[in-house]
C-alpha atoms as a PDB file:
ATOM      1  CA  MET A   1      -1.088  -0.713  13.027  1.00  0.00           C
ATOM      2  CA  SER A   2      -0.415  -3.359  15.881  1.00  0.00           C
ATOM      3  CA  SER A   3       1.411  -6.572  16.378  1.00  0.00           C
ATOM      4  CA  GLY A   4      -1.502  -8.219  17.201  1.00  0.00           C
ATOM      5  CA  TYR A   5      -4.939  -9.011  15.906  1.00  0.00           C
ATOM      6  CA  ASN A   6      -8.350  -6.777  16.568  1.00  0.00           C
ATOM      7  CA  GLU A   7     -10.079  -9.957  16.317  1.00  0.00           C
ATOM      8  CA  GLN A   8     -10.335 -13.511  17.431  1.00  0.00           C
ATOM      9  CA  ASP A   9      -9.911 -16.851  15.261  1.00  0.00           C
ATOM     10  CA  LEU A  10      -8.963 -15.163  12.397  1.00  0.00           C
ATOM     11  CA  SER A  11      -9.099 -16.992   8.846  1.00  0.00           C
ATOM     12  CA  ALA A  12      -5.545 -18.232   7.980  1.00  0.00           C
ATOM     13  CA  ASP A  13      -6.159 -15.324   5.005  1.00  0.00           C
ATOM     14  CA  ALA A  14      -6.756 -13.005   6.840  1.00  0.00           C
ATOM     15  CA  ARG A  15      -3.940 -13.525   9.464  1.00  0.00           C
ATOM     16  CA  ASN A  16      -1.280 -13.194   5.587  1.00  0.00           C
ATOM     17  CA  VAL A  17      -3.341 -10.356   4.920  1.00  0.00           C
ATOM     18  CA  HIS A  18      -2.967  -8.605   8.539  1.00  0.00           C
ATOM     19  CA  ARG A  19       0.706  -9.489   8.114  1.00  0.00           C
ATOM     20  CA  ALA A  20       1.630  -7.998   4.927  1.00  0.00           C
ATOM     21  CA  LEU A  21       0.115  -4.899   5.829  1.00  0.00           C
ATOM     22  CA  ALA A  22       2.336  -4.936   9.262  1.00  0.00           C
ATOM     23  CA  SER A  23       5.061  -5.425   6.956  1.00  0.00           C
ATOM     24  CA  PHE A  24       4.124  -2.835   4.547  1.00  0.00           C
ATOM     25  CA  GLN A  25       3.655   0.125   7.178  1.00  0.00           C
ATOM     26  CA  GLU A  26       7.032  -1.559   9.462  1.00  0.00           C
ATOM     27  CA  GLU A  27       9.213  -1.196   5.448  1.00  0.00           C
ATOM     28  CA  LEU A  28       7.510   2.488   5.057  1.00  0.00           C
ATOM     29  CA  GLU A  29       8.062   3.856   7.757  1.00  0.00           C
ATOM     30  CA  ALA A  30      12.561   2.388   7.460  1.00  0.00           C
ATOM     31  CA  ILE A  31      12.009   4.070   3.709  1.00  0.00           C
ATOM     32  CA  ASP A  32      11.140   7.273   5.350  1.00  0.00           C
ATOM     33  CA  TYR A  33      13.887   6.558   8.460  1.00  0.00           C
ATOM     34  CA  TYR A  34      16.729   6.282   5.891  1.00  0.00           C
ATOM     35  CA  ASN A  35      15.180   9.378   3.451  1.00  0.00           C
ATOM     36  CA  GLN A  36      15.485  11.336   6.573  1.00  0.00           C
ATOM     37  CA  ARG A  37      18.696  10.840   8.024  1.00  0.00           C
ATOM     38  CA  ALA A  38      20.263  11.104   3.808  1.00  0.00           C
ATOM     39  CA  ASP A  39      19.006  14.539   3.895  1.00  0.00           C
ATOM     40  CA  ARG A  40      20.399  15.545   6.665  1.00  0.00           C
ATOM     41  CA  THR A  41      24.206  14.365   6.847  1.00  0.00           C
ATOM     42  CA  ASP A  42      26.795  16.500   5.602  1.00  0.00           C
ATOM     43  CA  ASP A  43      29.293  13.222   5.699  1.00  0.00           C
ATOM     44  CA  ALA A  44      28.963  11.543   1.330  1.00  0.00           C
ATOM     45  CA  ALA A  45      30.073   7.846   2.077  1.00  0.00           C
ATOM     46  CA  LEU A  46      27.046   7.850   5.299  1.00  0.00           C
ATOM     47  CA  LYS A  47      24.559   9.597   2.640  1.00  0.00           C
ATOM     48  CA  ALA A  48      25.329   6.631  -0.146  1.00  0.00           C
ATOM     49  CA  ILE A  49      24.688   4.462   2.232  1.00  0.00           C
ATOM     50  CA  LEU A  50      21.044   5.331   3.686  1.00  0.00           C
ATOM     51  CA  LEU A  51      20.482   6.020   0.055  1.00  0.00           C
ATOM     52  CA  HIS A  52      21.215   2.333  -0.557  1.00  0.00           C
ATOM     53  CA  ASN A  53      19.281   0.742   2.354  1.00  0.00           C
ATOM     54  CA  ARG A  54      16.850   3.072   1.735  1.00  0.00           C
ATOM     55  CA  ASP A  55      16.235   1.766  -1.875  1.00  0.00           C
ATOM     56  CA  GLU A  56      16.272  -1.963  -0.396  1.00  0.00           C
ATOM     57  CA  GLU A  57      13.067  -0.802   1.938  1.00  0.00           C
ATOM     58  CA  ILE A  58      11.806   0.295  -1.560  1.00  0.00           C
ATOM     59  CA  GLU A  59      12.061  -3.132  -2.607  1.00  0.00           C
ATOM     60  CA  HIS A  60      10.749  -4.994  -0.096  1.00  0.00           C
ATOM     61  CA  ALA A  61       7.612  -2.580   0.163  1.00  0.00           C
ATOM     62  CA  THR A  62       6.984  -2.563  -2.762  1.00  0.00           C
ATOM     63  CA  MET A  63       7.230  -6.784  -2.983  1.00  0.00           C
ATOM     64  CA  LEU A  64       4.354  -6.797  -0.495  1.00  0.00           C
ATOM     65  CA  HIS A  65       2.460  -4.054  -2.048  1.00  0.00           C
ATOM     66  CA  GLU A  66       2.329  -6.917  -5.334  1.00  0.00           C
ATOM     67  CA  TYR A  67       1.248  -9.702  -2.203  1.00  0.00           C
ATOM     68  CA  LEU A  68      -1.422  -7.436  -1.430  1.00  0.00           C
ATOM     69  CA  ARG A  69      -2.599  -6.720  -4.966  1.00  0.00           C
ATOM     70  CA  ARG A  70      -2.414 -10.532  -5.902  1.00  0.00           C
ATOM     71  CA  ARG A  71      -4.392 -11.546  -2.264  1.00  0.00           C
ATOM     72  CA  VAL A  72      -7.217  -8.604  -2.037  1.00  0.00           C
ATOM     73  CA  SER A  73      -9.310  -8.187  -4.866  1.00  0.00           C
ATOM     74  CA  THR A  74     -10.151  -4.607  -4.160  1.00  0.00           C
ATOM     75  CA  PHE A  75      -5.959  -3.500  -4.000  1.00  0.00           C
ATOM     76  CA  ASP A  76      -5.683  -4.806  -7.526  1.00  0.00           C
ATOM     77  CA  ALA A  77      -8.343  -2.701  -8.531  1.00  0.00           C
ATOM     78  CA  ALA A  78      -7.936   0.268  -6.554  1.00  0.00           C
ATOM     79  CA  MET A  79      -3.396  -0.612  -8.370  1.00  0.00           C
ATOM     80  CA  LYS A  80      -4.790  -0.964 -11.715  1.00  0.00           C
ATOM     81  CA  GLN A  81      -7.530   2.416 -11.781  1.00  0.00           C
ATOM     82  CA  TYR A  82      -4.215   4.421  -9.950  1.00  0.00           C
ATOM     83  CA  LEU A  83      -1.041   3.044 -10.638  1.00  0.00           C
ATOM     84  CA  PHE A  84       1.032   3.696 -14.171  1.00  0.00           C
ATOM     85  CA  THR A  85      -1.305   6.793 -14.991  1.00  0.00           C
ATOM     86  CA  THR A  86      -0.437  10.377 -16.518  1.00  0.00           C
ATOM     87  CA  LYS A  87      -3.993  12.080 -15.051  1.00  0.00           C
ATOM     88  CA  PRO A  88      -3.338  13.376 -12.112  1.00  0.00           C
ATOM     89  CA  VAL A  89      -4.552  10.848  -9.145  1.00  0.00           C
ATOM     90  CA  THR A  90      -6.935  13.376  -8.170  1.00  0.00           C
ATOM     91  CA  GLU A  91      -8.881  13.126 -11.709  1.00  0.00           C
ATOM     92  CA  ILE A  92      -9.056   9.347 -12.544  1.00  0.00           C
ATOM     93  CA  GLU A  93     -12.382   8.845  -9.945  1.00  0.00           C
ATOM     94  CA  ALA A  94     -13.503  11.769 -11.880  1.00  0.00           C
ATOM     95  CA  GLY A  95     -14.509  10.033 -14.661  1.00  0.00           C
ATOM     96  CA  GLY A  96     -16.337   6.905 -13.021  1.00  0.00           C
ATOM     97  CA  ALA A  97     -16.663   5.568 -10.030  1.00  0.00           C
ATOM     98  CA  SER A  98     -13.749   3.740  -8.716  1.00  0.00           C
ATOM     99  CA  PRO A  99     -13.342  -0.052  -8.071  1.00  0.00           C
ATOM    100  CA  ALA A 100     -13.397  -0.171  -4.858  1.00  0.00           C
ATOM    101  CA  SER A 101     -15.962   2.990  -3.908  1.00  0.00           C
ATOM    102  CA  ASP A 102     -18.541   1.001  -5.148  1.00  0.00           C
ATOM    103  CA  LEU A 103     -19.182  -1.638  -2.789  1.00  0.00           C
ATOM    104  CA  GLY A 104     -21.909  -3.638  -4.108  1.00  0.00           C
ATOM    105  CA  ILE A 105     -24.548  -0.118  -3.195  1.00  0.00           C
ATOM    106  CA  ALA A 106     -25.477   1.007  -6.391  1.00  0.00           C
ATOM    107  CA  SER A 107     -26.392  -2.300  -7.551  1.00  0.00           C
ATOM    108  CA  LEU A 108     -28.671  -2.674  -4.154  1.00  0.00           C
ATOM    109  CA  LYS A 109     -30.961   0.072  -5.020  1.00  0.00           C
ATOM    110  CA  ALA A 110     -30.814  -0.575  -8.497  1.00  0.00           C
ATOM    111  CA  LYS A 111     -32.954  -3.492  -6.969  1.00  0.00           C
ATOM    112  CA  ALA A 112     -34.612  -0.767  -4.440  1.00  0.00           C
ATOM    113  CA  ASP A 113     -36.003   1.177  -7.503  1.00  0.00           C
END
């Protein structure tokens, strides 16, 4: 994801969502970096610091995820469907279409019939 915009004259909401998404991606990359470094070091003190830093980045990513859930209804619907469940995530959609996947197409098809 680029730090720049793909389109011009975006609304303030679209710019803020872009900022959150870009920051979310950066936090996920930082989590991965710290996790890899912690996995490879044989220095216990350094490993503890790296894991601490990784966990801080997880907190930041989670905060951004929640921001996105509150601002983008599709995130909210998908998170309600998939998070904190016990079924294998690949089986959750089997009970019906994902709230995010319909995009109103089914209702358009019904009107056409």
